[in-house]
Protein backbone atom coordinates (compact mmCIF):
# COMPACT_ATOMS: atom_id res chain seq x y z
CA MET A 1 4.61 90.18 1.19
CA THR A 2 4.96 92.20 4.52
CA ASP A 3 4.10 95.87 4.26
CA THR A 4 6.46 98.50 5.28
CA THR A 5 5.79 101.97 6.42
CA ALA A 6 6.17 104.59 3.91
CA ALA A 7 8.91 107.27 4.36
CA PRO A 8 9.76 110.56 2.89
CA ALA A 9 11.28 110.55 -0.42
CA ASP A 10 14.52 112.00 0.95
CA ALA A 11 14.67 109.58 3.96
CA PRO A 12 15.97 105.93 3.90
CA VAL A 13 13.07 103.45 4.08
CA GLU A 14 13.02 101.45 7.15
CA SER A 15 10.76 98.54 7.96
CA THR A 16 8.76 98.62 11.22
CA VAL A 17 8.11 94.75 11.27
CA GLU A 18 10.07 92.60 13.41
CA GLU A 19 13.23 91.06 11.78
CA VAL A 20 13.32 87.47 11.11
CA LEU A 21 17.19 87.44 11.60
CA ILE A 22 19.44 90.37 12.81
CA VAL A 23 21.91 91.62 10.21
CA THR A 24 24.80 93.24 11.90
CA ASP A 25 26.33 96.54 10.69
CA ALA A 26 29.42 94.82 9.39
CA ALA A 27 27.43 92.19 7.46
CA ARG A 28 25.21 94.82 5.93
CA THR A 29 28.09 96.99 4.99
CA ALA A 30 29.71 93.94 3.27
CA VAL A 31 26.46 93.02 1.39
CA LEU A 32 25.76 96.49 0.34
CA ALA A 33 29.24 96.66 -1.07
CA ILE A 34 28.72 93.70 -3.21
CA ARG A 35 25.15 94.91 -4.30
CA ASP A 36 26.41 98.30 -5.28
CA ARG A 37 28.55 96.71 -7.91
CA GLU A 38 25.64 95.15 -9.63
CA ASP A 39 23.38 96.95 -12.29
CA ASP A 40 20.24 98.42 -10.98
CA ALA A 41 21.59 97.85 -7.36
CA GLU A 42 18.74 99.69 -5.75
CA THR A 43 16.23 97.06 -7.12
CA LEU A 44 18.08 94.22 -5.41
CA GLY A 45 17.52 92.57 -1.94
CA LEU A 46 19.28 90.01 -0.11
CA ARG A 47 17.26 86.74 -0.22
CA ILE A 48 18.26 84.18 2.62
CA GLU A 49 16.85 80.76 2.45
CA VAL A 50 17.10 77.47 4.40
CA THR A 51 17.97 74.80 1.69
CA GLY A 52 18.41 71.67 3.84
CA THR A 53 20.54 70.19 6.71
CA ALA A 54 24.02 69.04 7.13
CA GLY A 55 24.56 67.15 10.37
CA ILE A 56 23.16 69.20 13.30
CA ASP A 57 22.93 72.45 11.17
CA TYR A 58 20.80 73.85 8.45
CA THR A 59 22.30 74.76 5.21
CA TYR A 60 21.55 78.14 3.29
CA ASP A 61 21.49 79.98 0.12
CA LEU A 62 22.11 83.79 -0.04
CA ALA A 63 21.69 85.60 -3.20
CA LEU A 64 20.75 89.18 -4.42
CA ASP A 65 17.56 88.98 -6.24
CA PRO A 66 15.21 91.68 -7.60
CA ILE A 67 12.80 92.69 -4.81
CA SER A 68 10.02 92.72 -7.37
CA ASP A 69 10.40 88.85 -7.62
CA ALA A 70 9.68 88.30 -3.98
CA ALA A 71 6.74 85.98 -3.40
CA ALA A 72 3.53 87.23 -1.80
CA ASP A 73 4.20 85.34 1.42
CA ASP A 74 7.87 86.37 1.61
CA HIS A 75 8.89 88.14 4.80
CA LEU A 76 10.60 91.37 3.87
CA HIS A 77 12.42 93.66 6.32
CA ILE A 78 14.10 96.83 5.12
CA ALA A 79 16.83 98.53 7.41
CA GLY A 80 20.00 100.52 6.73
CA GLY A 81 19.14 100.61 2.94
CA LEU A 82 19.17 96.75 2.59
CA THR A 83 16.09 94.66 1.99
CA VAL A 84 16.24 91.16 3.45
CA MET A 85 13.74 88.58 1.87
CA VAL A 86 13.14 85.32 3.70
CA PRO A 87 10.85 82.66 2.10
CA ASP A 88 7.90 81.83 4.42
CA ALA A 89 9.11 78.22 4.65
CA SER A 90 12.42 79.46 6.19
CA VAL A 91 11.02 81.95 8.72
CA SER A 92 10.57 79.64 11.68
CA ARG A 93 13.94 78.01 10.96
CA LEU A 94 15.70 81.49 10.70
CA ARG A 95 14.01 83.43 13.50
CA GLY A 96 16.39 84.71 16.05
CA SER A 97 19.50 84.11 13.82
CA THR A 98 22.20 86.72 13.23
CA LEU A 99 23.91 87.29 9.82
CA ASP A 100 27.48 88.55 10.44
CA VAL A 101 31.02 88.58 9.14
CA PRO A 102 33.43 85.83 10.40
CA SER A 103 34.95 86.40 13.73
CA MET A 104 38.38 85.25 12.51
CA PRO A 105 40.46 88.04 11.00
CA GLY A 106 40.98 87.90 7.26
CA GLN A 107 38.36 85.33 6.70
CA GLY A 108 35.89 86.33 4.03
CA GLY A 109 32.33 85.72 3.45
CA LEU A 110 29.34 85.85 5.76
CA VAL A 111 28.07 83.51 8.58
CA ILE A 112 24.78 82.83 9.95
CA ARG A 113 24.73 82.15 13.60
CA ASN A 114 21.35 80.23 14.27
CA PRO A 115 20.14 79.21 17.48
CA ASN A 116 17.70 76.87 15.81
CA ARG A 117 18.58 73.19 14.86
CA PRO A 118 16.87 70.78 12.55
CA ASN A 119 14.96 67.85 13.85
CA PRO A 120 17.32 64.90 13.89
CA LEU A 121 14.38 62.81 12.95
CA GLY A 122 13.81 64.66 9.80
CA ASP A 123 10.72 66.52 8.65
CA MET A 124 7.78 65.10 10.56
CA GLY A 125 5.39 66.82 8.25
CA ARG A 126 1.78 67.67 9.05
CA LEU A 127 -0.48 65.02 10.35
CA GLU A 128 -4.19 64.98 11.05
CA LEU A 129 -4.29 63.59 14.66
CA THR A 130 -7.53 62.76 16.43
CA GLY A 131 -8.68 61.81 19.86
CA GLY A 132 -7.22 62.64 23.28
CA ILE A 133 -3.45 63.19 23.98
CA ALA A 134 -2.57 59.50 24.32
CA GLU A 135 -4.34 58.79 21.09
CA LYS A 136 -2.53 61.52 19.17
CA VAL A 137 0.85 60.69 20.65
CA GLN A 138 0.41 57.00 19.59
CA GLN A 139 -0.66 58.07 16.19
CA LEU A 140 2.47 60.24 15.88
CA LEU A 141 4.67 57.51 17.00
CA ASP A 142 3.25 54.96 14.68
CA VAL A 143 3.10 57.16 11.61
CA SER A 144 6.18 59.50 11.88
CA ILE A 145 8.48 58.98 14.76
CA ASN A 146 9.05 55.22 14.81
CA PRO A 147 9.54 54.77 11.09
CA ALA A 148 12.37 57.52 11.45
CA LEU A 149 13.88 55.55 14.39
CA ALA A 150 13.62 52.31 12.68
CA SER A 151 16.51 53.15 10.37
CA HIS A 152 18.77 53.10 13.57
CA GLY A 153 17.00 49.92 14.84
CA GLY A 154 15.12 51.75 17.60
CA TYR A 155 11.78 52.83 18.60
CA ALA A 156 9.81 54.92 21.08
CA SER A 157 6.90 53.90 23.19
CA LEU A 158 4.17 55.95 25.14
CA VAL A 159 4.17 54.95 28.75
CA GLU A 160 1.41 57.24 30.01
CA VAL A 161 0.08 60.70 30.03
CA ARG A 162 0.30 62.35 33.39
CA ASP A 163 -1.78 65.37 34.74
CA ASP A 164 -3.43 65.69 31.47
CA ASP A 165 -0.61 67.35 29.66
CA THR A 166 2.58 65.56 30.30
CA VAL A 167 3.63 62.68 28.13
CA VAL A 168 5.94 59.99 29.33
CA VAL A 169 7.83 57.93 26.80
CA THR A 170 10.58 55.39 26.75
CA MET A 171 13.01 54.28 24.09
CA GLY A 172 14.09 50.78 23.15
CA GLY A 173 15.97 48.75 20.70
CA GLY A 174 18.95 50.50 19.09
CA CYS A 175 18.01 53.69 20.96
CA GLN A 176 18.28 52.24 24.46
CA GLY A 177 21.61 52.92 25.88
CA CYS A 178 22.80 54.80 22.72
CA ALA A 179 24.73 57.86 23.24
CA MET A 180 22.78 59.65 20.76
CA SER A 181 19.43 58.74 22.29
CA GLN A 182 19.21 61.67 24.63
CA ALA A 183 19.70 64.09 21.82
CA THR A 184 17.32 62.40 19.66
CA LEU A 185 14.69 62.48 22.43
CA SER A 186 15.39 66.10 23.22
CA ASP A 187 15.76 67.45 19.85
CA GLY A 188 13.61 65.13 17.92
CA ILE A 189 10.80 63.29 19.72
CA LYS A 190 10.07 66.01 22.21
CA LEU A 191 9.86 68.77 19.54
CA ALA A 192 7.78 66.53 17.22
CA ILE A 193 5.22 65.85 19.92
CA VAL A 194 4.96 69.33 21.21
CA GLU A 195 4.58 70.92 17.74
CA ALA A 196 2.09 68.23 16.69
CA ILE A 197 0.08 68.37 19.84
CA PRO A 198 0.19 71.84 21.35
CA GLU A 199 -1.77 70.73 24.37
CA VAL A 200 1.36 68.76 25.65
CA SER A 201 3.32 70.84 27.97
CA GLU A 202 6.14 68.49 28.77
CA VAL A 203 7.73 65.12 27.44
CA ILE A 204 9.57 62.86 29.88
CA ASP A 205 12.18 60.26 29.10
CA VAL A 206 11.93 57.25 31.41
CA THR A 207 14.33 55.08 29.51
CA ASP A 208 16.77 53.04 31.54
CA HIS A 209 19.94 54.35 29.65
CA THR A 210 22.19 51.98 31.90
CA ALA A 211 20.85 48.99 30.01
CA GLY A 212 21.49 47.90 26.59
CA GLU A 213 24.75 48.14 24.51
CA ASN A 214 26.97 51.17 24.74
CA PRO A 215 24.97 52.56 27.79
CA TYR A 216 24.69 56.39 27.92
CA TYR A 217 24.91 56.23 31.72
CA SER A 218 27.48 53.92 33.46
């Protein structure tokens, strides 16, 4: 549980740690208005958790939970009298987000504006990769990436490693010429490779997208 700096008893407690997500004044006011109607309101915090995906976006659960029930690795931030609790597993997916009220007048509820997007290939998980960059990329393709692409009839292949840190790949099968292949490569394969192999600085696609059915470029 993230430590917060103690404050005088007559002053509101404010956290000095970096916020996982920004809570606008309007959103904080709305949450506090709801919280203050609950019994033991001062003991409750807003828990925000990523629960899954829906298309290209994450899905979330927001709830008022006892602050004392926070897990040891939850990230807690206190500002404006509101404690926001984010489970450790959701921190990287929520970092840089903003909790706000809807921009449409009269629309109720809260919205999360999140610059992060789920990997379209799904959760790659953590793998024990060994060898040089080429060996590690091939292992990642064989174990995680290509099994995910197989459901779409496609695959990705390693072409070469340039300048010791640039990975060149190509896509084939159902991915070649597919209008979604560019997004899959950029948001999925590139992300998976860079996250799994930090020494990789760039991933380049050399697929001929003018070939195959439904070419992406024409």
